[in-house]
C-alpha atoms as a PDB file:
ATOM      1  CA  MET A   1     -52.654 -19.398  34.520  1.00  0.00           C
ATOM      2  CA  GLU A   2     -52.115 -23.137  35.204  1.00  0.00           C
ATOM      3  CA  ASN A   3     -52.790 -25.264  38.333  1.00  0.00           C
ATOM      4  CA  TYR A   4     -50.000 -26.947  40.230  1.00  0.00           C
ATOM      5  CA  ARG A   5     -50.590 -29.718  42.850  1.00  0.00           C
ATOM      6  CA  PHE A   6     -48.413 -29.163  46.124  1.00  0.00           C
ATOM      7  CA  THR A   7     -48.005 -31.940  48.572  1.00  0.00           C
ATOM      8  CA  ALA A   8     -45.909 -32.202  51.747  1.00  0.00           C
ATOM      9  CA  PHE A   9     -45.269 -35.146  54.030  1.00  0.00           C
ATOM     10  CA  GLU A  10     -43.923 -36.049  57.372  1.00  0.00           C
ATOM     11  CA  LYS A  11     -41.334 -38.923  57.339  1.00  0.00           C
ATOM     12  CA  THR A  12     -44.176 -41.112  58.855  1.00  0.00           C
ATOM     13  CA  GLY A  13     -46.094 -40.534  55.619  1.00  0.00           C
ATOM     14  CA  GLU A  14     -48.625 -38.231  57.205  1.00  0.00           C
ATOM     15  CA  THR A  15     -49.790 -35.605  54.613  1.00  0.00           C
ATOM     16  CA  LEU A  16     -49.147 -32.027  55.992  1.00  0.00           C
ATOM     17  CA  PHE A  17     -50.391 -30.254  52.857  1.00  0.00           C
ATOM     18  CA  ASP A  18     -52.291 -31.228  49.679  1.00  0.00           C
ATOM     19  CA  GLU A  19     -53.125 -28.134  47.822  1.00  0.00           C
ATOM     20  CA  VAL A  20     -53.675 -26.622  44.449  1.00  0.00           C
ATOM     21  CA  TRP A  21     -51.611 -23.487  43.608  1.00  0.00           C
ATOM     22  CA  THR A  22     -51.900 -21.344  40.520  1.00  0.00           C
ATOM     23  CA  PHE A  23     -48.923 -19.848  38.668  1.00  0.00           C
ATOM     24  CA  ALA A  24     -48.362 -18.249  35.161  1.00  0.00           C
ATOM     25  CA  ASN A  25     -46.042 -21.030  34.110  1.00  0.00           C
ATOM     26  CA  ASP A  26     -43.509 -23.690  35.170  1.00  0.00           C
ATOM     27  CA  ASP A  27     -40.692 -21.078  35.654  1.00  0.00           C
ATOM     28  CA  ALA A  28     -42.905 -18.993  37.885  1.00  0.00           C
ATOM     29  CA  ALA A  29     -44.042 -22.069  39.820  1.00  0.00           C
ATOM     30  CA  LYS A  30     -40.510 -23.044  40.479  1.00  0.00           C
ATOM     31  CA  ILE A  31     -39.526 -19.546  42.002  1.00  0.00           C
ATOM     32  CA  ASP A  32     -42.757 -18.609  43.659  1.00  0.00           C
ATOM     33  CA  GLY A  33     -43.489 -22.199  44.852  1.00  0.00           C
ATOM     34  CA  GLN A  34     -40.138 -22.303  46.637  1.00  0.00           C
ATOM     35  CA  LYS A  35     -41.035 -18.960  48.353  1.00  0.00           C
ATOM     36  CA  GLN A  36     -44.349 -20.338  49.418  1.00  0.00           C
ATOM     37  CA  ILE A  37     -42.799 -23.611  50.823  1.00  0.00           C
ATOM     38  CA  GLU A  38     -40.263 -21.423  52.732  1.00  0.00           C
ATOM     39  CA  GLU A  39     -42.993 -19.222  54.069  1.00  0.00           C
ATOM     40  CA  LYS A  40     -44.906 -22.358  55.356  1.00  0.00           C
ATOM     41  CA  GLY A  41     -41.690 -23.240  57.136  1.00  0.00           C
ATOM     42  CA  ILE A  42     -41.605 -26.765  55.608  1.00  0.00           C
ATOM     43  CA  ALA A  43     -38.551 -26.487  53.210  1.00  0.00           C
ATOM     44  CA  GLU A  44     -36.766 -29.392  55.019  1.00  0.00           C
ATOM     45  CA  LYS A  45     -39.996 -31.590  54.848  1.00  0.00           C
ATOM     46  CA  THR A  46     -40.472 -34.029  52.014  1.00  0.00           C
ATOM     47  CA  HIS A  47     -42.440 -32.109  49.422  1.00  0.00           C
ATOM     48  CA  ARG A  48     -43.227 -31.956  45.727  1.00  0.00           C
ATOM     49  CA  LEU A  49     -44.918 -29.636  43.246  1.00  0.00           C
ATOM     50  CA  VAL A  50     -46.195 -30.949  39.943  1.00  0.00           C
ATOM     51  CA  ASN A  51     -47.864 -29.232  37.028  1.00  0.00           C
ATOM     52  CA  SER A  52     -51.231 -30.466  35.567  1.00  0.00           C
ATOM     53  CA  SER A  53     -49.447 -32.788  33.236  1.00  0.00           C
ATOM     54  CA  GLY A  54     -47.650 -34.396  36.254  1.00  0.00           C
ATOM     55  CA  LYS A  55     -44.243 -32.862  35.349  1.00  0.00           C
ATOM     56  CA  LEU A  56     -42.222 -32.564  38.613  1.00  0.00           C
ATOM     57  CA  ILE A  57     -41.356 -28.861  39.188  1.00  0.00           C
ATOM     58  CA  LEU A  58     -40.036 -29.085  42.796  1.00  0.00           C
ATOM     59  CA  PHE A  59     -39.002 -32.072  44.807  1.00  0.00           C
ATOM     60  CA  HIS A  60     -37.379 -32.455  48.148  1.00  0.00           C
ATOM     61  CA  VAL A  61     -36.803 -35.648  50.225  1.00  0.00           C
END
């Protein structure tokens, strides 16, 4: 299992979420991470999900 950092922002720059999520790998992070984002109701907010190496897994502006 690997740690991934999820952050979401308002257009003003205010941080909505800054959390560590755990997934088996990058593919699982992309699929399950998108589900979690949709469940939180912030799919249209600026957000990113990066792995522990800093690789961008998900990004939305």
